[in-house]
Amino acid sequence: MRVKIFSMNNPMGRKGQNQQILEDQINQWLSQNKGVEIVRVEQSASGGSFGASLWMISVWYNENESQ
């Protein structure tokens, strides 16, 4: 099993554009790796009043042996 981690600082900044960028990165990776079997997806967030927020998305997957 392998993991791919995506992250974005201030994901809700720029009127949601950063959120769209993160989404686009994940979708691009998925389209470039069609042979993967997604096993698990986790999201974590940090930050708050005193620091910029950070989102991390972890995609746990198995690689297709024929790829």
PDB file of N, CA and C in Angstrom:
ATOM      1  N   MET A   1       0.851  -1.170   0.000  1.00  0.00           N
ATOM      2  CA  MET A   1       0.000   0.000   0.000  1.00  0.00           C
ATOM      3  C   MET A   1       0.898   1.235   0.000  1.00  0.00           C
ATOM      4  N   ARG A   2       0.433   2.262  -0.670  1.00  0.00           N
ATOM      5  CA  ARG A   2       1.161   3.526  -0.768  1.00  0.00           C
ATOM      6  C   ARG A   2       0.233   4.662  -0.354  1.00  0.00           C
ATOM      7  N   VAL A   3       0.833   5.851  -0.182  1.00  0.00           N
ATOM      8  CA  VAL A   3       0.030   7.020   0.170  1.00  0.00           C
ATOM      9  C   VAL A   3       0.491   8.212  -0.647  1.00  0.00           C
ATOM     10  N   LYS A   4      -0.444   9.036  -1.041  1.00  0.00           N
ATOM     11  CA  LYS A   4      -0.177  10.297  -1.727  1.00  0.00           C
ATOM     12  C   LYS A   4      -0.810  11.385  -0.878  1.00  0.00           C
ATOM     13  N   ILE A   5      -0.014  12.413  -0.544  1.00  0.00           N
ATOM     14  CA  ILE A   5      -0.507  13.486   0.313  1.00  0.00           C
ATOM     15  C   ILE A   5      -0.607  14.779  -0.488  1.00  0.00           C
ATOM     16  N   PHE A   6      -1.748  15.415  -0.397  1.00  0.00           N
ATOM     17  CA  PHE A   6      -1.995  16.709  -1.015  1.00  0.00           C
ATOM     18  C   PHE A   6      -2.199  17.709   0.112  1.00  0.00           C
ATOM     19  N   SER A   7      -1.674  18.918  -0.058  1.00  0.00           N
ATOM     20  CA  SER A   7      -1.875  19.930   0.986  1.00  0.00           C
ATOM     21  C   SER A   7      -2.071  21.302   0.353  1.00  0.00           C
ATOM     22  N   MET A   8      -2.727  22.164   1.127  1.00  0.00           N
ATOM     23  CA  MET A   8      -2.992  23.514   0.656  1.00  0.00           C
ATOM     24  C   MET A   8      -3.068  24.433   1.863  1.00  0.00           C
ATOM     25  N   ASN A   9      -2.271  25.493   1.843  1.00  0.00           N
ATOM     26  CA  ASN A   9      -2.368  26.529   2.859  1.00  0.00           C
ATOM     27  C   ASN A   9      -3.535  27.439   2.506  1.00  0.00           C
ATOM     28  N   ASN A  10      -4.258  27.861   3.528  1.00  0.00           N
ATOM     29  CA  ASN A  10      -5.370  28.798   3.360  1.00  0.00           C
ATOM     30  C   ASN A  10      -6.331  28.350   2.249  1.00  0.00           C
ATOM     31  N   PRO A  11      -6.876  27.129   2.369  1.00  0.00           N
ATOM     32  CA  PRO A  11      -7.699  26.593   1.283  1.00  0.00           C
ATOM     33  C   PRO A  11      -8.953  27.398   0.975  1.00  0.00           C
ATOM     34  N   MET A  12      -9.455  28.143   1.938  1.00  0.00           N
ATOM     35  CA  MET A  12     -10.658  28.917   1.682  1.00  0.00           C
ATOM     36  C   MET A  12     -10.339  30.344   1.248  1.00  0.00           C
ATOM     37  N   GLY A  13      -9.054  30.648   1.099  1.00  0.00           N
ATOM     38  CA  GLY A  13      -8.649  31.991   0.688  1.00  0.00           C
ATOM     39  C   GLY A  13      -8.951  32.263  -0.768  1.00  0.00           C
ATOM     40  N   ARG A  14      -8.791  33.518  -1.138  1.00  0.00           N
ATOM     41  CA  ARG A  14      -9.017  33.952  -2.519  1.00  0.00           C
ATOM     42  C   ARG A  14     -10.392  33.535  -3.018  1.00  0.00           C
ATOM     43  N   LYS A  15     -11.384  33.717  -2.152  1.00  0.00           N
ATOM     44  CA  LYS A  15     -12.786  33.427  -2.494  1.00  0.00           C
ATOM     45  C   LYS A  15     -12.983  31.982  -2.947  1.00  0.00           C
ATOM     46  N   GLY A  16     -12.285  31.067  -2.301  1.00  0.00           N
ATOM     47  CA  GLY A  16     -12.452  29.651  -2.605  1.00  0.00           C
ATOM     48  C   GLY A  16     -11.593  29.139  -3.744  1.00  0.00           C
ATOM     49  N   GLN A  17     -10.819  29.998  -4.381  1.00  0.00           N
ATOM     50  CA  GLN A  17      -9.994  29.551  -5.504  1.00  0.00           C
ATOM     51  C   GLN A  17      -8.944  28.531  -5.075  1.00  0.00           C
ATOM     52  N   ASN A  18      -8.389  28.688  -3.855  1.00  0.00           N
ATOM     53  CA  ASN A  18      -7.395  27.729  -3.386  1.00  0.00           C
ATOM     54  C   ASN A  18      -8.000  26.346  -3.203  1.00  0.00           C
ATOM     55  N   GLN A  19      -9.232  26.312  -2.769  1.00  0.00           N
ATOM     56  CA  GLN A  19      -9.930  25.037  -2.636  1.00  0.00           C
ATOM     57  C   GLN A  19     -10.057  24.372  -4.001  1.00  0.00           C
ATOM     58  N   GLN A  20     -10.372  25.140  -5.013  1.00  0.00           N
ATOM     59  CA  GLN A  20     -10.497  24.597  -6.369  1.00  0.00           C
ATOM     60  C   GLN A  20      -9.156  24.094  -6.877  1.00  0.00           C
ATOM     61  N   ILE A  21      -8.077  24.794  -6.557  1.00  0.00           N
ATOM     62  CA  ILE A  21      -6.734  24.365  -6.967  1.00  0.00           C
ATOM     63  C   ILE A  21      -6.403  23.009  -6.358  1.00  0.00           C
ATOM     64  N   LEU A  22      -6.697  22.830  -5.070  1.00  0.00           N
ATOM     65  CA  LEU A  22      -6.443  21.554  -4.403  1.00  0.00           C
ATOM     66  C   LEU A  22      -7.271  20.444  -5.039  1.00  0.00           C
ATOM     67  N   GLU A  23      -8.512  20.731  -5.301  1.00  0.00           N
ATOM     68  CA  GLU A  23      -9.389  19.760  -5.955  1.00  0.00           C
ATOM     69  C   GLU A  23      -8.845  19.382  -7.332  1.00  0.00           C
ATOM     70  N   ASP A  24      -8.392  20.371  -8.082  1.00  0.00           N
ATOM     71  CA  ASP A  24      -7.836  20.116  -9.414  1.00  0.00           C
ATOM     72  C   ASP A  24      -6.580  19.249  -9.335  1.00  0.00           C
ATOM     73  N   GLN A  25      -5.731  19.493  -8.322  1.00  0.00           N
ATOM     74  CA  GLN A  25      -4.510  18.686  -8.158  1.00  0.00           C
ATOM     75  C   GLN A  25      -4.855  17.224  -7.896  1.00  0.00           C
ATOM     76  N   ILE A  26      -5.838  16.999  -7.048  1.00  0.00           N
ATOM     77  CA  ILE A  26      -6.246  15.625  -6.740  1.00  0.00           C
ATOM     78  C   ILE A  26      -6.830  14.960  -7.977  1.00  0.00           C
ATOM     79  N   ASN A  27      -7.719  15.654  -8.679  1.00  0.00           N
ATOM     80  CA  ASN A  27      -8.325  15.084  -9.883  1.00  0.00           C
ATOM     81  C   ASN A  27      -7.299  14.827 -10.980  1.00  0.00           C
ATOM     82  N   GLN A  28      -6.308  15.694 -11.105  1.00  0.00           N
ATOM     83  CA  GLN A  28      -5.256  15.480 -12.098  1.00  0.00           C
ATOM     84  C   GLN A  28      -4.446  14.235 -11.753  1.00  0.00           C
ATOM     85  N   TRP A  29      -4.084  14.089 -10.481  1.00  0.00           N
ATOM     86  CA  TRP A  29      -3.325  12.913 -10.066  1.00  0.00           C
ATOM     87  C   TRP A  29      -4.126  11.645 -10.336  1.00  0.00           C
ATOM     88  N   LEU A  30      -5.427  11.676 -10.009  1.00  0.00           N
ATOM     89  CA  LEU A  30      -6.278  10.506 -10.255  1.00  0.00           C
ATOM     90  C   LEU A  30      -6.355  10.172 -11.741  1.00  0.00           C
ATOM     91  N   SER A  31      -6.475  11.176 -12.590  1.00  0.00           N
ATOM     92  CA  SER A  31      -6.566  10.914 -14.031  1.00  0.00           C
ATOM     93  C   SER A  31      -5.250  10.397 -14.598  1.00  0.00           C
ATOM     94  N   GLN A  32      -4.128  10.771 -13.977  1.00  0.00           N
ATOM     95  CA  GLN A  32      -2.815  10.294 -14.428  1.00  0.00           C
ATOM     96  C   GLN A  32      -2.467   8.920 -13.853  1.00  0.00           C
ATOM     97  N   ASN A  33      -3.238   8.454 -12.892  1.00  0.00           N
ATOM     98  CA  ASN A  33      -2.964   7.186 -12.220  1.00  0.00           C
ATOM     99  C   ASN A  33      -4.212   6.318 -12.204  1.00  0.00           C
ATOM    100  N   LYS A  34      -4.711   6.027 -13.375  1.00  0.00           N
ATOM    101  CA  LYS A  34      -5.969   5.295 -13.507  1.00  0.00           C
ATOM    102  C   LYS A  34      -5.881   3.877 -12.965  1.00  0.00           C
ATOM    103  N   GLY A  35      -4.666   3.337 -12.853  1.00  0.00           N
ATOM    104  CA  GLY A  35      -4.507   1.960 -12.388  1.00  0.00           C
ATOM    105  C   GLY A  35      -4.465   1.801 -10.888  1.00  0.00           C
ATOM    106  N   VAL A  36      -4.726   2.853 -10.140  1.00  0.00           N
ATOM    107  CA  VAL A  36      -4.674   2.720  -8.684  1.00  0.00           C
ATOM    108  C   VAL A  36      -6.032   2.324  -8.127  1.00  0.00           C
ATOM    109  N   GLU A  37      -5.981   1.584  -7.044  1.00  0.00           N
ATOM    110  CA  GLU A  37      -7.189   1.225  -6.305  1.00  0.00           C
ATOM    111  C   GLU A  37      -7.174   2.032  -5.012  1.00  0.00           C
ATOM    112  N   ILE A  38      -8.112   2.962  -4.875  1.00  0.00           N
ATOM    113  CA  ILE A  38      -8.185   3.796  -3.685  1.00  0.00           C
ATOM    114  C   ILE A  38      -8.703   2.941  -2.529  1.00  0.00           C
ATOM    115  N   VAL A  39      -7.942   2.930  -1.444  1.00  0.00           N
ATOM    116  CA  VAL A  39      -8.297   2.136  -0.277  1.00  0.00           C
ATOM    117  C   VAL A  39      -8.909   3.011   0.821  1.00  0.00           C
ATOM    118  N   ARG A  40      -8.348   4.203   0.977  1.00  0.00           N
ATOM    119  CA  ARG A  40      -8.788   5.071   2.069  1.00  0.00           C
ATOM    120  C   ARG A  40      -8.426   6.511   1.743  1.00  0.00           C
ATOM    121  N   VAL A  41      -9.257   7.450   2.185  1.00  0.00           N
ATOM    122  CA  VAL A  41      -8.986   8.877   2.039  1.00  0.00           C
ATOM    123  C   VAL A  41      -9.221   9.521   3.403  1.00  0.00           C
ATOM    124  N   GLU A  42      -8.255  10.339   3.827  1.00  0.00           N
ATOM    125  CA  GLU A  42      -8.385  11.045   5.101  1.00  0.00           C
ATOM    126  C   GLU A  42      -8.089  12.516   4.883  1.00  0.00           C
ATOM    127  N   GLN A  43      -8.760  13.355   5.648  1.00  0.00           N
ATOM    128  CA  GLN A  43      -8.525  14.796   5.602  1.00  0.00           C
ATOM    129  C   GLN A  43      -8.176  15.263   7.003  1.00  0.00           C
ATOM    130  N   SER A  44      -7.208  16.150   7.087  1.00  0.00           N
ATOM    131  CA  SER A  44      -6.917  16.794   8.362  1.00  0.00           C
ATOM    132  C   SER A  44      -6.732  18.280   8.105  1.00  0.00           C
ATOM    133  N   ALA A  45      -6.978  19.056   9.128  1.00  0.00           N
ATOM    134  CA  ALA A  45      -6.861  20.510   9.008  1.00  0.00           C
ATOM    135  C   ALA A  45      -6.212  21.046  10.277  1.00  0.00           C
ATOM    136  N   SER A  46      -5.459  22.112  10.118  1.00  0.00           N
ATOM    137  CA  SER A  46      -4.866  22.779  11.272  1.00  0.00           C
ATOM    138  C   SER A  46      -4.910  24.273  11.035  1.00  0.00           C
ATOM    139  N   GLY A  47      -4.547  25.019  12.048  1.00  0.00           N
ATOM    140  CA  GLY A  47      -4.563  26.471  11.942  1.00  0.00           C
ATOM    141  C   GLY A  47      -5.747  27.036  12.693  1.00  0.00           C
ATOM    142  N   GLY A  48      -5.871  28.315  12.607  1.00  0.00           N
ATOM    143  CA  GLY A  48      -6.973  28.941  13.316  1.00  0.00           C
ATOM    144  C   GLY A  48      -6.729  30.418  13.492  1.00  0.00           C
ATOM    145  N   SER A  49      -7.030  30.906  14.654  1.00  0.00           N
ATOM    146  CA  SER A  49      -6.965  32.335  14.920  1.00  0.00           C
ATOM    147  C   SER A  49      -5.582  32.934  14.745  1.00  0.00           C
ATOM    148  N   PHE A  50      -4.546  32.167  15.103  1.00  0.00           N
ATOM    149  CA  PHE A  50      -3.195  32.727  15.099  1.00  0.00           C
ATOM    150  C   PHE A  50      -2.334  32.262  13.924  1.00  0.00           C
ATOM    151  N   GLY A  51      -2.839  31.410  13.101  1.00  0.00           N
ATOM    152  CA  GLY A  51      -2.052  30.926  11.974  1.00  0.00           C
ATOM    153  C   GLY A  51      -2.936  30.609  10.789  1.00  0.00           C
ATOM    154  N   ALA A  52      -2.311  30.587   9.647  1.00  0.00           N
ATOM    155  CA  ALA A  52      -3.056  30.245   8.428  1.00  0.00           C
ATOM    156  C   ALA A  52      -3.510  28.795   8.490  1.00  0.00           C
ATOM    157  N   SER A  53      -4.653  28.520   7.939  1.00  0.00           N
ATOM    158  CA  SER A  53      -5.157  27.153   7.939  1.00  0.00           C
ATOM    159  C   SER A  53      -4.401  26.317   6.913  1.00  0.00           C
ATOM    160  N   LEU A  54      -4.353  25.029   7.177  1.00  0.00           N
ATOM    161  CA  LEU A  54      -3.698  24.065   6.300  1.00  0.00           C
ATOM    162  C   LEU A  54      -4.598  22.850   6.205  1.00  0.00           C
ATOM    163  N   TRP A  55      -4.883  22.440   4.988  1.00  0.00           N
ATOM    164  CA  TRP A  55      -5.618  21.199   4.760  1.00  0.00           C
ATOM    165  C   TRP A  55      -4.660  20.178   4.194  1.00  0.00           C
ATOM    166  N   MET A  56      -4.772  18.948   4.666  1.00  0.00           N
ATOM    167  CA  MET A  56      -4.009  17.831   4.113  1.00  0.00           C
ATOM    168  C   MET A  56      -4.993  16.717   3.777  1.00  0.00           C
ATOM    169  N   ILE A  57      -4.852  16.198   2.581  1.00  0.00           N
ATOM    170  CA  ILE A  57      -5.669  15.075   2.127  1.00  0.00           C
ATOM    171  C   ILE A  57      -4.702  13.927   1.859  1.00  0.00           C
ATOM    172  N   SER A  58      -4.920  12.806   2.527  1.00  0.00           N
ATOM    173  CA  SER A  58      -4.093  11.617   2.333  1.00  0.00           C
ATOM    174  C   SER A  58      -4.903  10.584   1.571  1.00  0.00           C
ATOM    175  N   VAL A  59      -4.351  10.117   0.463  1.00  0.00           N
ATOM    176  CA  VAL A  59      -5.010   9.100  -0.354  1.00  0.00           C
ATOM    177  C   VAL A  59      -4.176   7.830  -0.256  1.00  0.00           C
ATOM    178  N   TRP A  60      -4.720   6.815   0.404  1.00  0.00           N
ATOM    179  CA  TRP A  60      -4.066   5.517   0.538  1.00  0.00           C
ATOM    180  C   TRP A  60      -4.533   4.651  -0.634  1.00  0.00           C
ATOM    181  N   TYR A  61      -3.580   4.013  -1.305  1.00  0.00           N
ATOM    182  CA  TYR A  61      -3.942   3.280  -2.509  1.00  0.00           C
ATOM    183  C   TYR A  61      -3.020   2.096  -2.747  1.00  0.00           C
ATOM    184  N   ASN A  62      -3.499   1.182  -3.577  1.00  0.00           N
ATOM    185  CA  ASN A  62      -2.696   0.080  -4.092  1.00  0.00           C
ATOM    186  C   ASN A  62      -2.492   0.321  -5.571  1.00  0.00           C
ATOM    187  N   GLU A  63      -1.298  -0.047  -6.038  1.00  0.00           N
ATOM    188  CA  GLU A  63      -1.015   0.087  -7.472  1.00  0.00           C
ATOM    189  C   GLU A  63      -1.437  -1.163  -8.192  1.00  0.00           C
ATOM    190  N   ASN A  64      -1.994  -0.976  -9.373  1.00  0.00           N
ATOM    191  CA  ASN A  64      -2.366  -2.091 -10.216  1.00  0.00           C
ATOM    192  C   ASN A  64      -1.102  -2.705 -10.770  1.00  0.00           C
ATOM    193  N   GLU A  65      -0.918  -3.991 -10.604  1.00  0.00           N
ATOM    194  CA  GLU A  65       0.321  -4.660 -11.026  1.00  0.00           C
ATOM    195  C   GLU A  65       0.548  -4.624 -12.528  1.00  0.00           C
ATOM    196  N   SER A  66      -0.512  -4.464 -13.319  1.00  0.00           N
ATOM    197  CA  SER A  66      -0.364  -4.461 -14.781  1.00  0.00           C
ATOM    198  C   SER A  66       0.099  -3.124 -15.318  1.00  0.00           C
ATOM    199  N   GLN A  67       0.193  -2.101 -14.471  1.00  0.00           N
ATOM    200  CA  GLN A  67       0.596  -0.760 -14.924  1.00  0.00           C
ATOM    201  C   GLN A  67       2.091  -0.643 -14.933  1.00  0.00           C
TER     202      GLN A  67
END
